[in-house]
């Protein structure tokens, strides 16, 4: 679908500078654009990118003066939030989220006691066990397995090869990407008599409304209470959430984060890539844990943590700065040591002193 610059300006409530009849039939990044596309400039510090872009129409922030910009395209549109407006326009050019027509594929295996909404999509080779309830407009794609007595709310999407163990609850608009596993047994064992004995897990997993789980991520079931991921939280690919964790609302958890058992997080927490959280740790509301941090103790609300072991960012930054100077400090220390040894040697050679003065203890 093509849109004119005038129409785009109307959509975003922006101010148009340039040709109102300029058209875009696709979107593109500012640095890899081509003629006939719409792009955006998210930050006034990136104005240099306008010089070489081939985009025909570009959304720019309000702090930019179009009259002073070097731009070879056809139209600039000034708007309060170019990125958000750009994202809102993408569906006009690319419709990649169409709702598949309701059907139950002939190859799907569905227990007769399962309840399936009439407008759900059930793809090829899906397996749905006894007692399951599948809500309105759910999309269950190829090779998905849903265990007994699990419940899906409305508009839930399970992408190919994802697995939902029994007794799990996915609330409205939850999205599970390919290869994710929800509700596997927690990693719980008791060591006795020279061997590890499995501790059975009878709990479940609850994913609240608008949770999204990335590909190949695992959320383990609780031992006897549920593992919970709070409303609106977004979890990236390759993340491990262990048994009995309670993730707050609107958390963001980036790839390769590992949370041990019984971790609790407040609302609006953020976790960078490869963060590790020890068991039974509590992360306060609004805390940010930066990439590769190792958290072994509770974190206060609003705190930003860095490093392993994780410390407040300002404290850890000072330590890291000092570490960069260690080679230079080592050379200085060796030089001072040699100078002290030379002075000590001279003092020891003084025969008029009743006893030598020792600058440092003998080794």
Foldseek 3Di string as FASTA:
>chain_A
DKDFQLVLCVQQVWDKDFDRRQMAQAADELQDAAERYEYEDQDPVVLVSQQPGHYQEYEYEPVDDVVPGRHPHGMYIYHHGRVVSVVVCRCVNDPPDDQDFADADPQEAEPPQEAADRREHHEHPEYHDHQEYHEASEYHYPCEYAAYNEYEEYHEYEEPCEYAYPPEYEYPNEYEYHAEYAAAAFPDWDDDPHDTHDQAADFGEYEYAQEYEEHNEYAHAARHYGAYAEANEYEYHQEYHGHQEHHEHHEYHYHQEYEHANEYEYYQEYEEANEYEDYNEYEYACEYEYHNEYDDHHHYHNFYWDHVPTDGPVVVVVVVVVVVCVVVVVVVVVVVVVVLVVVQVVQCPDPVDPDGDDPDDDD
